[in-house]
Amino acid sequence: TALFDTVFSTKTPVLQLNDLSTESQRNQQNGLREMLNGITHYVRNVNAHEPRIKWIVDEQEAIHILETISFLHRMLDVCITTKE
């Protein structure tokens, strides 16, 4: 979470989804950051803190999770690096 919060900050970002010049663009940046945090909490943290046998995901839910991750990857692909 701290990594996403730092990298996708609207004040001093490392990666930008857009030029952050309008409130809507800053909202998009924040939304991407929150979605990345959300999918991490929903998928990674569950598996990291409980045995996998306790987390039951049916096929349709797995497809939706993978679609969300795919969308987030597409958004990361269009981000602009602001720091070396």
C-alpha atoms as a PDB file:
ATOM      1  CA  THR A   1       0.000   0.000   0.000  1.00  0.00           C
ATOM      2  CA  ALA A   2       2.759   2.439   0.899  1.00  0.00           C
ATOM      3  CA  LEU A   3       4.485   1.760  -2.434  1.00  0.00           C
ATOM      4  CA  PHE A   4       1.334   2.484  -4.472  1.00  0.00           C
ATOM      5  CA  ASP A   5       0.596   5.576  -2.361  1.00  0.00           C
ATOM      6  CA  THR A   6       4.080   6.949  -3.034  1.00  0.00           C
ATOM      7  CA  VAL A   7       4.363   6.007  -6.698  1.00  0.00           C
ATOM      8  CA  PHE A   8       0.885   7.265  -7.646  1.00  0.00           C
ATOM      9  CA  SER A   9       0.815  10.391  -5.472  1.00  0.00           C
ATOM     10  CA  THR A  10      -0.862  13.379  -7.115  1.00  0.00           C
ATOM     11  CA  LYS A  11       1.711  15.805  -5.689  1.00  0.00           C
ATOM     12  CA  THR A  12       5.051  14.101  -6.427  1.00  0.00           C
ATOM     13  CA  PRO A  13       4.289  10.962  -8.450  1.00  0.00           C
ATOM     14  CA  VAL A  14       6.803   8.525  -9.832  1.00  0.00           C
ATOM     15  CA  LEU A  15       4.234   7.323 -12.381  1.00  0.00           C
ATOM     16  CA  GLN A  16       1.442   9.446 -13.830  1.00  0.00           C
ATOM     17  CA  LEU A  17      -1.620   8.266 -15.710  1.00  0.00           C
ATOM     18  CA  ASN A  18      -2.047  11.755 -17.209  1.00  0.00           C
ATOM     19  CA  ASP A  19      -0.693  15.278 -16.650  1.00  0.00           C
ATOM     20  CA  LEU A  20      -2.709  15.754 -13.409  1.00  0.00           C
ATOM     21  CA  SER A  21      -3.665  19.308 -14.389  1.00  0.00           C
ATOM     22  CA  THR A  22      -7.395  19.007 -13.633  1.00  0.00           C
ATOM     23  CA  GLU A  23      -9.388  17.646 -10.737  1.00  0.00           C
ATOM     24  CA  SER A  24     -10.741  14.883 -12.995  1.00  0.00           C
ATOM     25  CA  GLN A  25      -7.225  13.821 -13.971  1.00  0.00           C
ATOM     26  CA  ARG A  26      -6.139  13.772 -10.328  1.00  0.00           C
ATOM     27  CA  ASN A  27      -9.242  11.701  -9.563  1.00  0.00           C
ATOM     28  CA  GLN A  28      -8.182   9.206 -12.249  1.00  0.00           C
ATOM     29  CA  GLN A  29      -4.701   9.013 -10.702  1.00  0.00           C
ATOM     30  CA  ASN A  30      -6.197   8.452  -7.260  1.00  0.00           C
ATOM     31  CA  GLY A  31      -8.620   5.889  -8.660  1.00  0.00           C
ATOM     32  CA  LEU A  32      -5.812   3.891 -10.239  1.00  0.00           C
ATOM     33  CA  ARG A  33      -3.870   3.985  -6.960  1.00  0.00           C
ATOM     34  CA  GLU A  34      -6.931   2.877  -4.997  1.00  0.00           C
ATOM     35  CA  MET A  35      -7.732   0.081  -7.459  1.00  0.00           C
ATOM     36  CA  LEU A  36      -4.162  -1.217  -7.238  1.00  0.00           C
ATOM     37  CA  ASN A  37      -4.384  -1.146  -3.455  1.00  0.00           C
ATOM     38  CA  GLY A  38      -7.809  -2.778  -3.585  1.00  0.00           C
ATOM     39  CA  ILE A  39      -6.837  -5.715  -5.780  1.00  0.00           C
ATOM     40  CA  THR A  40      -3.757  -6.233  -3.602  1.00  0.00           C
ATOM     41  CA  HIS A  41      -5.908  -6.385  -0.482  1.00  0.00           C
ATOM     42  CA  TYR A  42      -8.545  -8.562  -2.114  1.00  0.00           C
ATOM     43  CA  VAL A  43      -6.271 -11.149  -3.709  1.00  0.00           C
ATOM     44  CA  ARG A  44      -2.709 -11.026  -2.431  1.00  0.00           C
ATOM     45  CA  ASN A  45      -3.327 -10.259   1.232  1.00  0.00           C
ATOM     46  CA  VAL A  46      -5.976 -12.961   1.588  1.00  0.00           C
ATOM     47  CA  ASN A  47      -3.579 -15.590   0.275  1.00  0.00           C
ATOM     48  CA  ALA A  48      -0.671 -14.260   2.303  1.00  0.00           C
ATOM     49  CA  HIS A  49      -2.491 -14.339   5.629  1.00  0.00           C
ATOM     50  CA  GLU A  50      -4.648 -17.459   5.389  1.00  0.00           C
ATOM     51  CA  PRO A  51      -4.137 -20.895   3.899  1.00  0.00           C
ATOM     52  CA  ARG A  52      -5.367 -20.985   0.294  1.00  0.00           C
ATOM     53  CA  ILE A  53      -7.693 -23.880   1.046  1.00  0.00           C
ATOM     54  CA  LYS A  54      -9.866 -21.464   3.051  1.00  0.00           C
ATOM     55  CA  TRP A  55     -10.309 -18.981   0.195  1.00  0.00           C
ATOM     56  CA  ILE A  56     -12.765 -20.415  -2.287  1.00  0.00           C
ATOM     57  CA  VAL A  57     -12.973 -18.683  -5.647  1.00  0.00           C
ATOM     58  CA  ASP A  58     -15.280 -20.008  -8.292  1.00  0.00           C
ATOM     59  CA  GLU A  59     -14.422 -19.838 -11.974  1.00  0.00           C
ATOM     60  CA  GLN A  60     -16.504 -16.735 -12.711  1.00  0.00           C
ATOM     61  CA  GLU A  61     -15.000 -14.803  -9.791  1.00  0.00           C
ATOM     62  CA  ALA A  62     -11.494 -15.800 -10.901  1.00  0.00           C
ATOM     63  CA  ILE A  63     -12.271 -14.498 -14.404  1.00  0.00           C
ATOM     64  CA  HIS A  64     -13.469 -11.166 -12.993  1.00  0.00           C
ATOM     65  CA  ILE A  65     -10.355 -10.849 -10.830  1.00  0.00           C
ATOM     66  CA  LEU A  66      -8.116 -11.547 -13.826  1.00  0.00           C
ATOM     67  CA  GLU A  67     -10.065  -9.023 -15.950  1.00  0.00           C
ATOM     68  CA  THR A  68      -9.498  -6.386 -13.273  1.00  0.00           C
ATOM     69  CA  ILE A  69      -5.789  -7.170 -13.107  1.00  0.00           C
ATOM     70  CA  SER A  70      -5.608  -7.024 -16.917  1.00  0.00           C
ATOM     71  CA  PHE A  71      -7.270  -3.584 -16.912  1.00  0.00           C
ATOM     72  CA  LEU A  72      -4.834  -2.337 -14.286  1.00  0.00           C
ATOM     73  CA  HIS A  73      -1.895  -3.602 -16.347  1.00  0.00           C
ATOM     74  CA  ARG A  74      -3.194  -1.701 -19.393  1.00  0.00           C
ATOM     75  CA  MET A  75      -3.387   1.466 -17.295  1.00  0.00           C
ATOM     76  CA  LEU A  76       0.167   0.929 -16.013  1.00  0.00           C
ATOM     77  CA  ASP A  77       1.353   0.556 -19.621  1.00  0.00           C
ATOM     78  CA  VAL A  78       0.204   4.092 -20.467  1.00  0.00           C
ATOM     79  CA  CYS A  79       1.651   5.742 -17.359  1.00  0.00           C
ATOM     80  CA  ILE A  80       4.424   8.282 -17.738  1.00  0.00           C
ATOM     81  CA  THR A  81       7.591   7.970 -15.635  1.00  0.00           C
ATOM     82  CA  THR A  82       8.327  11.251 -13.893  1.00  0.00           C
ATOM     83  CA  LYS A  83      11.513  10.323 -12.008  1.00  0.00           C
ATOM     84  CA  GLU A  84      14.593   8.372 -12.988  1.00  0.00           C
END
